[in-house]
C-alpha atoms as a PDB file:
ATOM      1  CA  MET A   1      24.346 183.160  72.532  1.00  0.00           C
ATOM      2  CA  LEU A   2      26.014 184.044  69.293  1.00  0.00           C
ATOM      3  CA  LEU A   3      28.231 187.273  69.459  1.00  0.00           C
ATOM      4  CA  PHE A   4      27.426 190.117  66.917  1.00  0.00           C
ATOM      5  CA  ASP A   5      30.956 189.523  64.876  1.00  0.00           C
ATOM      6  CA  GLN A   6      29.984 185.640  65.011  1.00  0.00           C
ATOM      7  CA  THR A   7      26.521 186.652  63.508  1.00  0.00           C
ATOM      8  CA  LYS A   8      27.910 188.668  60.789  1.00  0.00           C
ATOM      9  CA  ALA A   9      30.453 185.987  59.838  1.00  0.00           C
ATOM     10  CA  LEU A  10      27.503 183.469  59.503  1.00  0.00           C
ATOM     11  CA  GLU A  11      25.470 185.996  57.736  1.00  0.00           C
ATOM     12  CA  LYS A  12      28.495 186.525  55.194  1.00  0.00           C
ATOM     13  CA  ALA A  13      28.968 182.501  54.577  1.00  0.00           C
ATOM     14  CA  LEU A  14      25.600 181.525  54.879  1.00  0.00           C
ATOM     15  CA  GLY A  15      23.088 184.477  54.285  1.00  0.00           C
ATOM     16  CA  GLU A  16      20.700 186.063  56.321  1.00  0.00           C
ATOM     17  CA  GLU A  17      17.833 183.417  56.666  1.00  0.00           C
ATOM     18  CA  ALA A  18      20.107 180.556  57.699  1.00  0.00           C
ATOM     19  CA  THR A  19      21.758 182.621  60.089  1.00  0.00           C
ATOM     20  CA  ARG A  20      18.520 183.444  61.419  1.00  0.00           C
ATOM     21  CA  VAL A  21      17.865 179.772  62.104  1.00  0.00           C
ATOM     22  CA  ILE A  22      21.060 179.040  63.712  1.00  0.00           C
ATOM     23  CA  ALA A  23      20.749 182.217  66.117  1.00  0.00           C
ATOM     24  CA  ASP A  24      17.300 181.105  67.007  1.00  0.00           C
ATOM     25  CA  ALA A  25      18.649 177.409  67.752  1.00  0.00           C
ATOM     26  CA  PHE A  26      21.353 178.546  69.986  1.00  0.00           C
ATOM     27  CA  GLU A  27      18.829 181.096  71.942  1.00  0.00           C
ATOM     28  CA  LYS A  28      16.668 177.679  72.352  1.00  0.00           C
ATOM     29  CA  THR A  29      19.352 175.653  73.446  1.00  0.00           C
ATOM     30  CA  ASP A  30      20.698 178.637  75.983  1.00  0.00           C
ATOM     31  CA  ALA A  31      17.136 178.983  77.320  1.00  0.00           C
ATOM     32  CA  ALA A  32      16.980 175.360  77.970  1.00  0.00           C
ATOM     33  CA  ILE A  33      20.289 174.681  79.458  1.00  0.00           C
ATOM     34  CA  ARG A  34      19.382 177.940  81.629  1.00  0.00           C
ATOM     35  CA  ASP A  35      16.089 175.979  82.691  1.00  0.00           C
ATOM     36  CA  GLN A  36      17.720 172.847  83.343  1.00  0.00           C
ATOM     37  CA  GLN A  37      20.405 174.887  85.635  1.00  0.00           C
ATOM     38  CA  ASN A  38      17.732 176.633  87.546  1.00  0.00           C
ATOM     39  CA  THR A  39      15.694 173.065  87.838  1.00  0.00           C
ATOM     40  CA  VAL A  40      19.122 171.057  89.393  1.00  0.00           C
ATOM     41  CA  ARG A  41      19.912 174.676  91.378  1.00  0.00           C
ATOM     42  CA  ASN A  42      16.173 174.513  92.809  1.00  0.00           C
ATOM     43  CA  ALA A  43      16.812 170.695  93.854  1.00  0.00           C
ATOM     44  CA  LEU A  44      20.030 170.732  95.225  1.00  0.00           C
ATOM     45  CA  ALA A  45      18.735 173.838  97.386  1.00  0.00           C
ATOM     46  CA  SER A  46      15.829 172.149  98.617  1.00  0.00           C
ATOM     47  CA  GLU A  47      17.888 169.376 100.103  1.00  0.00           C
ATOM     48  CA  LEU A  48      20.518 171.490 102.056  1.00  0.00           C
ATOM     49  CA  ALA A  49      19.847 171.556 105.669  1.00  0.00           C
ATOM     50  CA  THR A  50      18.898 175.134 107.355  1.00  0.00           C
ATOM     51  CA  LYS A  51      20.717 176.935 109.908  1.00  0.00           C
ATOM     52  CA  ALA A  52      17.383 176.363 111.861  1.00  0.00           C
ATOM     53  CA  ASP A  53      17.457 172.465 111.170  1.00  0.00           C
ATOM     54  CA  VAL A  54      21.186 172.385 112.314  1.00  0.00           C
ATOM     55  CA  GLU A  55      20.618 173.957 115.332  1.00  0.00           C
ATOM     56  CA  ARG A  56      17.215 171.714 116.094  1.00  0.00           C
ATOM     57  CA  ILE A  57      19.437 168.820 115.630  1.00  0.00           C
ATOM     58  CA  GLU A  58      22.275 170.105 117.887  1.00  0.00           C
ATOM     59  CA  GLY A  59      19.409 170.730 120.750  1.00  0.00           C
ATOM     60  CA  SER A  60      18.470 167.049 120.185  1.00  0.00           C
ATOM     61  CA  ILE A  61      21.967 165.825 120.734  1.00  0.00           C
ATOM     62  CA  ALA A  62      22.640 167.976 123.901  1.00  0.00           C
ATOM     63  CA  LYS A  63      19.336 166.524 125.175  1.00  0.00           C
ATOM     64  CA  LEU A  64      20.515 162.834 124.366  1.00  0.00           C
ATOM     65  CA  ASN A  65      23.931 163.674 125.910  1.00  0.00           C
ATOM     66  CA  LEU A  66      22.307 165.066 128.942  1.00  0.00           C
ATOM     67  CA  MET A  67      19.796 161.798 129.176  1.00  0.00           C
ATOM     68  CA  LEU A  68      22.843 159.290 128.718  1.00  0.00           C
ATOM     69  CA  LYS A  69      24.764 160.666 131.474  1.00  0.00           C
ATOM     70  CA  LEU A  70      21.645 160.682 133.618  1.00  0.00           C
ATOM     71  CA  LEU A  71      21.258 157.157 132.911  1.00  0.00           C
ATOM     72  CA  ILE A  72      24.699 156.298 133.622  1.00  0.00           C
ATOM     73  CA  GLY A  73      24.569 158.108 136.805  1.00  0.00           C
ATOM     74  CA  LEU A  74      21.530 155.935 137.972  1.00  0.00           C
ATOM     75  CA  ALA A  75      23.033 152.973 137.056  1.00  0.00           C
ATOM     76  CA  VAL A  76      25.989 153.589 138.904  1.00  0.00           C
ATOM     77  CA  ALA A  77      23.705 154.630 142.055  1.00  0.00           C
ATOM     78  CA  ALA A  78      21.608 151.393 141.470  1.00  0.00           C
ATOM     79  CA  ILE A  79      25.007 149.212 141.442  1.00  0.00           C
ATOM     80  CA  ALA A  80      26.401 151.028 144.622  1.00  0.00           C
ATOM     81  CA  LEU A  81      23.351 150.869 146.360  1.00  0.00           C
ATOM     82  CA  PHE A  82      22.190 147.057 145.773  1.00  0.00           C
ATOM     83  CA  SER A  83      25.555 145.751 145.424  1.00  0.00           C
ATOM     84  CA  PRO A  84      26.497 143.240 148.319  1.00  0.00           C
ATOM     85  CA  ASN A  85      29.783 143.499 147.714  1.00  0.00           C
ATOM     86  CA  LEU A  86      29.797 147.499 148.497  1.00  0.00           C
ATOM     87  CA  ALA A  87      27.707 146.595 151.434  1.00  0.00           C
ATOM     88  CA  ALA A  88      30.401 144.285 152.726  1.00  0.00           C
ATOM     89  CA  LEU A  89      33.246 146.690 151.960  1.00  0.00           C
ATOM     90  CA  ILE A  90      31.004 149.758 153.796  1.00  0.00           C
ATOM     91  CA  LYS A  91      30.743 147.183 157.075  1.00  0.00           C
ATOM     92  CA  LEU A  92      34.582 146.360 156.656  1.00  0.00           C
ATOM     93  CA  ALA A  93      35.625 150.270 156.591  1.00  0.00           C
ATOM     94  CA  HIS A  94      33.543 151.055 159.887  1.00  0.00           C
END
């Protein structure tokens, strides 16, 4: 956008009609730039994770963490219960 002083300087140098054409070109360019900025801003905003998205993912991670601990515990219990070596060690301990 041209400032008032810039517009008056152009009018003095080029005339009123030429200045109007230049000012219109600047206005259209500014509007196009603003539209493009809004488009990019909206596209970027749509790609951002919201707080709800992050909380949902954290909840899923917590569930997976619990399930992994449970699975490890069950594996250790299965090994302990069905291992012949453990049974022999228990017999020796009595």
